[in-house]
Amino acid sequence: MWKPHARAWQAATAIANPRGQEVTLTREYQSCPQCGYSFFPLDEQLDLPASGLMPHAHQSLVRLGARLSFEEAASELHALLGIEVSDSRVRRQTLQVGASVQAIQTEQANISHASSCGSSSPQPLPSRLAMSGDGAMVPLRGGTWAEVKTVVIAEVLPSQPESTEQASRRTTNHSYFSRLADATMFADLASVEIARRGIESAEQVCAVQDGAEWLQGFVQSHRHDAIRILDFAHAAEYVGKIHEQAQQTGQRLPARWVSVLLHQLKYHGPVRMLEHLHWLSQRRDIPAITDALRYFGKRLPQMHYPQFQAQGWPIGSGMVESANKVVMQARLKRAGMHWEPSNVNPCSPCVMPSVISAGQKSGTSSNSGKKKIVLLAESSAANRDELS
């Protein structure tokens, strides 16, 4: 609380309005004699950011900093609004807002985890949802790499006749959540997005992904009865490795061996394919066959692709593979970029495009006097439809 003996002083401050015009204001600041912290009381009442920018300009700076390199963001801000800022200022303010959003989302996840119940959505929930998870590596300073985990949630479209243009499109209305975290922490933090999309309340949910153990645990913790589907392309990789290893060791297989086997798997199921691999393992010394049989044997219920397709479920994890490429890696894995671990999550594009600064729409001051960050339901990137 500010005491009567707080010092007051005047300063001229130049700020930029949304049109890029500079406005100079003379304001009387209150200063604490103990710590020296100064503030202008009306700024708090109006919930203005301490960045020296008007809310729209500050929002634009942060959004650009989340999507582009900090140098490009500064250049684009000047081109769009006529506001000149340094690269370091873009970096500083982008990471500050990102850290605030991350803290809010973590707090929400802790509350949700403690209550052990998902928040109900005021909008009607779709009856069928799909979720898909994966991890992608990003470069850190010091020459090391770390895995950023991502989960994508989408609505499943009604089945379309094979002759229509939409027949291959299985999902729509995608939203993303990414974090640099271990599997347990990631599952906890993602609970807010899981609840918001209604994963726990939907009539049916499928989880299409590769066979990583952490992904199985993620599905088990959020929707244990989800229909689990092994990504078809991932299964195809194991079959392709057999053919590749046979070629390398001079043990030739028929030219169309891979395509015939995958056609059998996709349209007739895994039984005949596994019978053939068992037969082949007794006649050819190819270690990849043993690896494939062991891998498929643990995931046989997730490989009934004809049944999944007949029910209208996607059998590929393209939506999360696309998210890794065009959402997360497009920002964090550019040429020459190496990140401090503490800056990866604040600058994650799955966090930053979904925020705006205080003073916009429903933003109000918090009890601590900090600017409240307003979370939008979905970012423009999250609204982008991806083909599954």
Protein backbone atom coordinates (compact mmCIF):
# COMPACT_ATOMS: atom_id res chain seq x y z
CA MET A 1 0.00 0.00 0.00
CA TRP A 2 1.31 3.45 -0.95
CA LYS A 3 1.87 5.78 2.00
CA PRO A 4 1.29 9.57 2.01
CA HIS A 5 5.01 10.32 2.06
CA ALA A 6 5.59 8.67 -1.31
CA ARG A 7 7.48 10.98 -3.63
CA ALA A 8 5.90 12.34 -6.80
CA TRP A 9 7.70 13.36 -9.97
CA GLN A 10 6.80 14.26 -13.52
CA ALA A 11 7.99 12.69 -16.75
CA ALA A 12 7.19 13.06 -20.43
CA THR A 13 6.38 9.72 -22.00
CA ALA A 14 6.03 9.05 -25.72
CA ILE A 15 3.62 6.27 -26.67
CA ALA A 16 2.42 5.03 -30.04
CA ASN A 17 -1.26 4.73 -30.82
CA PRO A 18 -2.70 1.95 -33.07
CA ARG A 19 -2.11 4.08 -36.18
CA GLY A 20 1.56 4.43 -35.42
CA GLN A 21 1.29 8.10 -34.43
CA GLU A 22 3.44 9.17 -31.50
CA VAL A 23 1.65 10.91 -28.65
CA THR A 24 3.61 12.64 -25.87
CA LEU A 25 2.06 12.72 -22.40
CA THR A 26 3.30 14.46 -19.26
CA ARG A 27 2.38 12.38 -16.24
CA GLU A 28 2.95 12.50 -12.49
CA TYR A 29 4.46 9.30 -11.17
CA GLN A 30 4.19 8.01 -7.61
CA SER A 31 7.46 6.62 -6.26
CA CYS A 32 8.08 4.44 -3.21
CA PRO A 33 10.91 5.89 -1.06
CA GLN A 34 11.91 2.41 0.16
CA CYS A 35 12.24 0.40 -3.05
CA GLY A 36 12.20 3.18 -5.63
CA TYR A 37 9.43 1.56 -7.71
CA SER A 38 7.41 4.16 -9.64
CA PHE A 39 4.05 3.97 -11.37
CA PHE A 40 1.34 6.22 -12.77
CA PRO A 41 -1.94 5.45 -10.92
CA LEU A 42 -4.14 6.01 -13.97
CA ASP A 43 -2.19 3.36 -15.89
CA GLU A 44 -3.38 0.74 -13.44
CA GLN A 45 -6.96 2.00 -13.55
CA LEU A 46 -6.96 1.85 -17.36
CA ASP A 47 -5.05 -1.45 -17.29
CA LEU A 48 -2.45 -0.13 -19.74
CA PRO A 49 0.66 -2.24 -20.36
CA ALA A 50 3.96 -0.97 -19.02
CA SER A 51 5.49 -1.44 -22.45
CA GLY A 52 4.90 2.14 -23.62
CA LEU A 53 2.60 0.85 -26.37
CA MET A 54 -1.14 1.10 -26.67
CA PRO A 55 -2.93 -2.25 -26.16
CA HIS A 56 -3.46 -2.93 -29.88
CA ALA A 57 0.18 -2.21 -30.69
CA HIS A 58 1.38 -4.32 -27.76
CA GLN A 59 -0.86 -7.17 -28.84
CA SER A 60 0.50 -6.96 -32.39
CA LEU A 61 4.08 -6.97 -31.14
CA VAL A 62 3.51 -10.09 -29.04
CA ARG A 63 1.67 -11.97 -31.79
CA LEU A 64 4.37 -11.19 -34.32
CA GLY A 65 7.07 -12.19 -31.85
CA ALA A 66 5.36 -15.53 -31.35
CA ARG A 67 5.18 -16.34 -35.05
CA LEU A 68 8.33 -14.78 -36.48
CA SER A 69 11.91 -14.34 -35.41
CA PHE A 70 12.33 -11.33 -33.15
CA GLU A 71 14.18 -9.44 -35.90
CA GLU A 72 11.42 -10.12 -38.43
CA ALA A 73 8.75 -9.20 -35.89
CA ALA A 74 10.33 -5.78 -35.28
CA SER A 75 10.51 -5.16 -39.03
CA GLU A 76 6.89 -6.24 -39.62
CA LEU A 77 5.63 -4.10 -36.74
CA HIS A 78 7.24 -1.05 -38.32
CA ALA A 79 5.81 -1.94 -41.74
CA LEU A 80 2.28 -2.49 -40.43
CA LEU A 81 1.93 0.17 -37.73
CA GLY A 82 4.88 2.46 -38.26
CA ILE A 83 6.22 1.69 -34.79
CA GLU A 84 9.97 1.26 -34.36
CA VAL A 85 11.12 -1.12 -31.65
CA SER A 86 14.37 -3.00 -31.15
CA ASP A 87 14.78 -6.75 -31.58
CA SER A 88 15.60 -7.09 -27.90
CA ARG A 89 12.41 -5.28 -26.92
CA VAL A 90 10.32 -7.66 -29.03
CA ARG A 91 12.11 -10.58 -27.43
CA ARG A 92 11.70 -9.25 -23.90
CA GLN A 93 8.01 -8.42 -24.15
CA THR A 94 7.10 -11.58 -26.06
CA LEU A 95 8.74 -13.78 -23.45
CA GLN A 96 7.18 -11.77 -20.59
CA VAL A 97 3.67 -12.27 -21.92
CA GLY A 98 4.38 -15.91 -22.75
CA ALA A 99 5.64 -16.56 -19.22
CA SER A 100 2.50 -14.96 -17.77
CA VAL A 101 0.25 -17.11 -19.96
CA GLN A 102 2.23 -20.21 -19.06
CA ALA A 103 1.81 -19.44 -15.35
CA ILE A 104 -1.95 -18.94 -15.75
CA GLN A 105 -2.33 -22.19 -17.70
CA THR A 106 -0.28 -24.06 -15.12
CA GLU A 107 -2.43 -22.66 -12.33
CA GLN A 108 -5.58 -23.68 -14.20
CA ALA A 109 -4.19 -27.18 -14.70
CA ASN A 110 -3.43 -27.49 -10.98
CA ILE A 111 -6.97 -26.40 -10.08
CA SER A 112 -8.46 -28.82 -12.59
CA HIS A 113 -6.26 -31.65 -11.34
CA ALA A 114 -7.19 -30.93 -7.72
CA SER A 115 -10.91 -30.86 -8.45
CA SER A 116 -10.66 -34.08 -10.49
CA CYS A 117 -13.43 -32.98 -12.77
CA GLY A 118 -13.46 -31.35 -16.19
CA SER A 119 -15.01 -27.95 -16.68
CA SER A 120 -18.32 -28.03 -18.49
CA SER A 121 -18.53 -26.14 -21.75
CA PRO A 122 -21.50 -23.82 -22.34
CA GLN A 123 -21.51 -24.88 -26.00
CA PRO A 124 -22.83 -28.27 -27.13
CA LEU A 125 -20.01 -30.78 -27.36
CA PRO A 126 -19.40 -32.84 -30.51
CA SER A 127 -20.28 -36.48 -30.12
CA ARG A 128 -17.01 -37.76 -31.60
CA LEU A 129 -13.52 -36.38 -31.01
CA ALA A 130 -10.04 -37.43 -32.02
CA MET A 131 -6.79 -36.69 -30.27
CA SER A 132 -3.26 -37.30 -31.41
CA GLY A 133 0.03 -36.76 -29.59
CA ASP A 134 3.66 -36.70 -30.60
CA GLY A 135 7.01 -35.19 -29.72
CA ALA A 136 9.47 -33.14 -31.79
CA MET A 137 13.01 -32.12 -31.01
CA VAL A 138 14.11 -28.49 -30.76
CA PRO A 139 17.73 -27.25 -30.50
CA LEU A 140 18.92 -25.80 -27.21
CA ARG A 141 21.98 -23.72 -26.44
CA GLY A 142 25.06 -25.78 -25.79
CA GLY A 143 24.42 -28.14 -28.69
CA THR A 144 21.76 -30.24 -26.96
CA TRP A 145 18.23 -31.10 -28.03
CA ALA A 146 14.98 -31.45 -26.11
CA GLU A 147 11.58 -32.91 -26.97
CA VAL A 148 8.56 -30.61 -27.12
CA LYS A 149 5.41 -32.68 -26.72
CA THR A 150 2.23 -31.74 -28.58
CA VAL A 151 -1.36 -32.96 -28.47
CA VAL A 152 -3.93 -32.07 -31.12
CA ILE A 153 -7.66 -32.37 -30.53
CA ALA A 154 -10.21 -32.28 -33.34
CA GLU A 155 -13.80 -33.07 -34.21
CA VAL A 156 -14.39 -36.16 -36.34
CA LEU A 157 -16.39 -35.51 -39.48
CA PRO A 158 -19.24 -37.80 -40.57
CA SER A 159 -18.19 -40.50 -43.02
CA GLN A 160 -18.24 -39.43 -46.66
CA PRO A 161 -18.68 -41.62 -49.76
CA GLU A 162 -15.37 -42.59 -51.31
CA SER A 163 -16.29 -40.74 -54.51
CA THR A 164 -16.56 -37.33 -52.82
CA GLU A 165 -13.70 -34.82 -52.52
CA GLN A 166 -14.05 -34.83 -48.72
CA ALA A 167 -13.70 -38.61 -48.41
CA SER A 168 -10.07 -38.42 -47.23
CA ARG A 169 -10.79 -35.65 -44.75
CA ARG A 170 -11.65 -37.09 -41.36
CA THR A 171 -11.21 -34.25 -38.84
CA THR A 172 -11.83 -30.52 -38.45
CA ASN A 173 -11.67 -27.71 -35.85
CA HIS A 174 -8.19 -28.50 -34.55
CA SER A 175 -6.64 -27.06 -31.40
CA TYR A 176 -3.07 -27.57 -30.18
CA PHE A 177 -1.26 -27.73 -26.87
CA SER A 178 2.55 -27.99 -26.61
CA ARG A 179 5.04 -28.03 -23.76
CA LEU A 180 8.66 -28.81 -23.10
CA ALA A 181 8.02 -31.14 -20.16
CA ASP A 182 8.28 -34.75 -19.09
CA ALA A 183 5.37 -37.07 -19.85
CA THR A 184 3.74 -36.82 -16.42
CA MET A 185 3.90 -33.03 -16.27
CA PHE A 186 2.68 -32.73 -19.85
CA ALA A 187 -0.37 -34.87 -19.08
CA ASP A 188 -1.22 -32.66 -16.10
CA LEU A 189 -0.74 -29.37 -17.98
CA ALA A 190 -2.81 -30.51 -20.95
CA SER A 191 -5.81 -31.24 -18.72
CA VAL A 192 -7.24 -27.73 -19.22
CA GLU A 193 -7.34 -28.09 -23.00
CA ILE A 194 -8.60 -31.66 -22.65
CA ALA A 195 -11.49 -30.44 -20.49
CA ARG A 196 -12.20 -27.41 -22.69
CA ARG A 197 -12.61 -29.58 -25.78
CA GLY A 198 -14.78 -32.08 -23.93
CA ILE A 199 -12.59 -35.17 -24.28
CA GLU A 200 -13.90 -36.57 -21.00
CA SER A 201 -17.55 -35.90 -21.93
CA ALA A 202 -17.73 -36.82 -25.62
CA GLU A 203 -19.66 -39.94 -26.53
CA GLN A 204 -16.73 -41.45 -28.42
CA VAL A 205 -13.05 -40.56 -28.62
CA CYS A 206 -10.25 -42.06 -30.67
CA ALA A 207 -6.53 -41.66 -30.05
CA VAL A 208 -4.48 -42.10 -33.20
CA GLN A 209 -0.72 -41.96 -32.68
CA ASP A 210 2.46 -43.99 -32.76
CA GLY A 211 3.16 -46.67 -30.19
CA ALA A 212 5.29 -44.66 -27.74
CA GLU A 213 4.69 -45.68 -24.14
CA TRP A 214 4.22 -42.12 -22.86
CA LEU A 215 1.39 -41.62 -25.35
CA GLN A 216 -0.40 -44.70 -24.06
CA GLY A 217 -0.12 -43.32 -20.54
CA PHE A 218 -1.42 -39.95 -21.70
CA VAL A 219 -4.53 -41.54 -23.21
CA GLN A 220 -5.04 -43.71 -20.16
CA SER A 221 -5.01 -40.72 -17.82
CA HIS A 222 -7.49 -38.62 -19.81
CA ARG A 223 -9.82 -41.06 -21.59
CA HIS A 224 -9.06 -44.68 -20.72
CA ASP A 225 -11.86 -46.03 -22.96
CA ALA A 226 -10.67 -44.16 -26.07
CA ILE A 227 -10.41 -46.20 -29.25
CA ARG A 228 -6.67 -46.51 -29.72
CA ILE A 229 -5.38 -46.58 -33.28
CA LEU A 230 -1.78 -47.15 -34.28
CA ASP A 231 -0.78 -44.58 -36.88
CA PHE A 232 -0.86 -46.44 -40.20
CA ALA A 233 2.24 -44.69 -41.53
CA HIS A 234 4.12 -45.74 -38.39
CA ALA A 235 3.14 -49.37 -38.96
CA ALA A 236 4.20 -49.03 -42.59
CA GLU A 237 7.67 -47.93 -41.47
CA TYR A 238 8.25 -51.28 -39.78
CA VAL A 239 7.26 -53.12 -42.96
CA GLY A 240 9.49 -50.85 -45.02
CA LYS A 241 12.46 -51.53 -42.74
CA ILE A 242 12.12 -55.26 -43.45
CA HIS A 243 12.34 -54.66 -47.20
CA GLU A 244 15.25 -52.24 -46.77
CA GLN A 245 17.21 -54.64 -44.59
CA ALA A 246 16.57 -57.48 -47.02
CA GLN A 247 17.94 -55.39 -49.87
CA GLN A 248 21.06 -54.50 -47.87
CA THR A 249 21.83 -58.16 -47.09
CA GLY A 250 21.16 -59.41 -50.62
CA GLN A 251 17.94 -61.20 -49.67
CA ARG A 252 15.64 -59.91 -52.35
CA LEU A 253 11.90 -59.70 -51.88
CA PRO A 254 9.30 -59.23 -54.63
CA ALA A 255 9.23 -55.71 -56.10
CA ARG A 256 5.68 -55.02 -54.89
CA TRP A 257 6.09 -56.85 -51.59
CA VAL A 258 5.68 -53.74 -49.39
CA SER A 259 2.68 -52.30 -51.25
CA VAL A 260 0.86 -55.65 -51.32
CA LEU A 261 1.44 -56.22 -47.61
CA LEU A 262 0.27 -52.73 -46.67
CA HIS A 263 -2.82 -53.06 -48.86
CA GLN A 264 -3.62 -56.27 -47.02
CA LEU A 265 -3.14 -54.54 -43.66
CA LYS A 266 -5.22 -51.48 -44.55
CA TYR A 267 -8.21 -53.20 -46.13
CA HIS A 268 -8.20 -56.68 -44.57
CA GLY A 269 -6.58 -56.25 -41.17
CA PRO A 270 -3.36 -57.49 -39.56
CA VAL A 271 -3.98 -61.26 -39.33
CA ARG A 272 -2.83 -62.32 -42.80
CA MET A 273 0.09 -59.90 -42.70
CA LEU A 274 1.34 -61.28 -39.38
CA GLU A 275 0.95 -64.85 -40.63
CA HIS A 276 3.11 -63.98 -43.63
CA LEU A 277 5.76 -62.31 -41.44
CA HIS A 278 5.92 -65.38 -39.18
CA TRP A 279 6.32 -67.59 -42.26
CA LEU A 280 9.02 -65.29 -43.66
CA SER A 281 10.93 -65.18 -40.36
CA GLN A 282 11.45 -68.97 -40.57
CA ARG A 283 12.98 -68.69 -44.03
CA ARG A 284 14.94 -65.43 -44.00
CA ASP A 285 17.51 -64.15 -41.51
CA ILE A 286 16.24 -60.56 -41.31
CA PRO A 287 16.34 -59.04 -37.77
CA ALA A 288 13.77 -56.37 -38.75
CA ILE A 289 11.12 -59.10 -39.05
CA THR A 290 11.57 -60.04 -35.39
CA ASP A 291 11.38 -56.37 -34.39
CA ALA A 292 8.18 -55.86 -36.37
CA LEU A 293 6.51 -58.99 -34.97
CA ARG A 294 7.37 -57.95 -31.42
CA TYR A 295 6.11 -54.41 -31.99
CA PHE A 296 2.90 -55.42 -33.77
CA GLY A 297 2.18 -58.17 -31.27
CA LYS A 298 1.87 -55.63 -28.42
CA ARG A 299 -0.41 -53.38 -30.46
CA LEU A 300 -2.60 -55.80 -32.38
CA PRO A 301 -5.95 -54.32 -31.14
CA GLN A 302 -4.82 -50.93 -32.48
CA MET A 303 -4.35 -52.26 -36.03
CA HIS A 304 -7.87 -53.20 -37.12
CA TYR A 305 -7.83 -50.56 -39.84
CA PRO A 306 -10.80 -51.83 -41.91
CA GLN A 307 -13.01 -51.60 -38.83
CA PHE A 308 -11.73 -48.15 -37.89
CA GLN A 309 -12.28 -46.80 -41.42
CA ALA A 310 -15.79 -48.27 -41.60
CA GLN A 311 -16.60 -46.42 -38.38
CA GLY A 312 -15.29 -43.15 -39.82
CA TRP A 313 -12.19 -42.82 -37.64
CA PRO A 314 -8.89 -41.43 -38.97
CA ILE A 315 -6.12 -44.02 -39.17
CA GLY A 316 -3.24 -41.56 -39.58
CA SER A 317 -1.74 -39.05 -37.15
CA GLY A 318 -1.26 -36.43 -39.85
CA MET A 319 -2.87 -33.73 -37.75
CA VAL A 320 -0.16 -33.88 -35.08
CA GLU A 321 2.62 -34.40 -37.62
CA SER A 322 1.38 -31.28 -39.39
CA ALA A 323 1.19 -29.41 -36.07
CA ASN A 324 4.83 -30.23 -35.36
CA LYS A 325 5.84 -28.92 -38.76
CA VAL A 326 3.70 -25.83 -39.40
CA VAL A 327 2.92 -24.71 -35.85
CA MET A 328 5.67 -25.62 -33.42
CA GLN A 329 8.81 -26.21 -35.49
CA ALA A 330 8.02 -23.28 -37.80
CA ARG A 331 8.79 -20.98 -34.86
CA LEU A 332 11.19 -22.91 -32.67
CA LYS A 333 13.28 -24.80 -35.20
CA ARG A 334 14.38 -22.18 -37.69
CA ALA A 335 17.86 -22.16 -39.13
CA GLY A 336 20.44 -20.98 -36.62
CA MET A 337 18.06 -20.89 -33.64
CA HIS A 338 19.19 -22.32 -30.30
CA TRP A 339 16.96 -21.76 -27.29
CA GLU A 340 17.42 -21.39 -23.59
CA PRO A 341 15.26 -24.15 -22.05
CA SER A 342 13.37 -21.59 -19.95
CA ASN A 343 12.35 -19.67 -23.10
CA VAL A 344 10.94 -22.59 -25.09
CA ASN A 345 7.51 -22.75 -23.44
CA PRO A 346 6.91 -18.97 -23.17
CA CYS A 347 7.57 -18.59 -26.89
CA SER A 348 5.73 -21.72 -27.97
CA PRO A 349 3.35 -20.77 -30.80
CA CYS A 350 0.75 -23.06 -29.24
CA VAL A 351 0.67 -20.61 -26.31
CA MET A 352 1.44 -17.20 -27.72
CA PRO A 353 -1.05 -16.78 -30.61
CA SER A 354 -3.87 -17.53 -28.17
CA VAL A 355 -3.28 -14.51 -25.94
CA ILE A 356 -3.90 -10.80 -25.98
CA SER A 357 -2.72 -8.26 -23.49
CA ALA A 358 -4.77 -6.53 -20.83
CA GLY A 359 -7.21 -3.81 -21.72
CA GLN A 360 -8.72 -5.84 -24.55
CA LYS A 361 -12.26 -7.15 -24.23
CA SER A 362 -12.64 -8.75 -20.79
CA GLY A 363 -9.23 -7.85 -19.37
CA THR A 364 -9.23 -6.42 -15.83
CA SER A 365 -6.65 -5.79 -13.16
CA SER A 366 -5.81 -8.62 -10.80
CA ASN A 367 -5.45 -8.23 -7.06
CA SER A 368 -1.69 -8.24 -7.39
CA GLY A 369 -1.80 -5.26 -9.74
CA LYS A 370 -0.33 -7.24 -12.64
CA LYS A 371 -1.84 -7.08 -16.08
CA LYS A 372 -4.31 -9.88 -16.65
CA ILE A 373 -3.71 -11.98 -19.73
CA VAL A 374 -6.84 -12.86 -21.65
CA LEU A 375 -6.89 -16.31 -23.22
CA LEU A 376 -8.75 -16.62 -26.47
CA ALA A 377 -10.68 -19.81 -27.07
CA GLU A 378 -8.47 -20.74 -30.00
CA SER A 379 -5.73 -19.11 -31.98
CA SER A 380 -5.91 -18.55 -35.68
CA ALA A 381 -3.46 -21.41 -36.05
CA ALA A 382 -5.67 -23.64 -33.95
CA ASN A 383 -8.59 -22.88 -36.24
CA ARG A 384 -6.62 -23.97 -39.26
CA ASP A 385 -8.04 -27.24 -40.58
CA GLU A 386 -5.50 -29.99 -41.18
CA LEU A 387 -6.00 -33.15 -43.16
CA SER A 388 -5.72 -36.29 -41.10
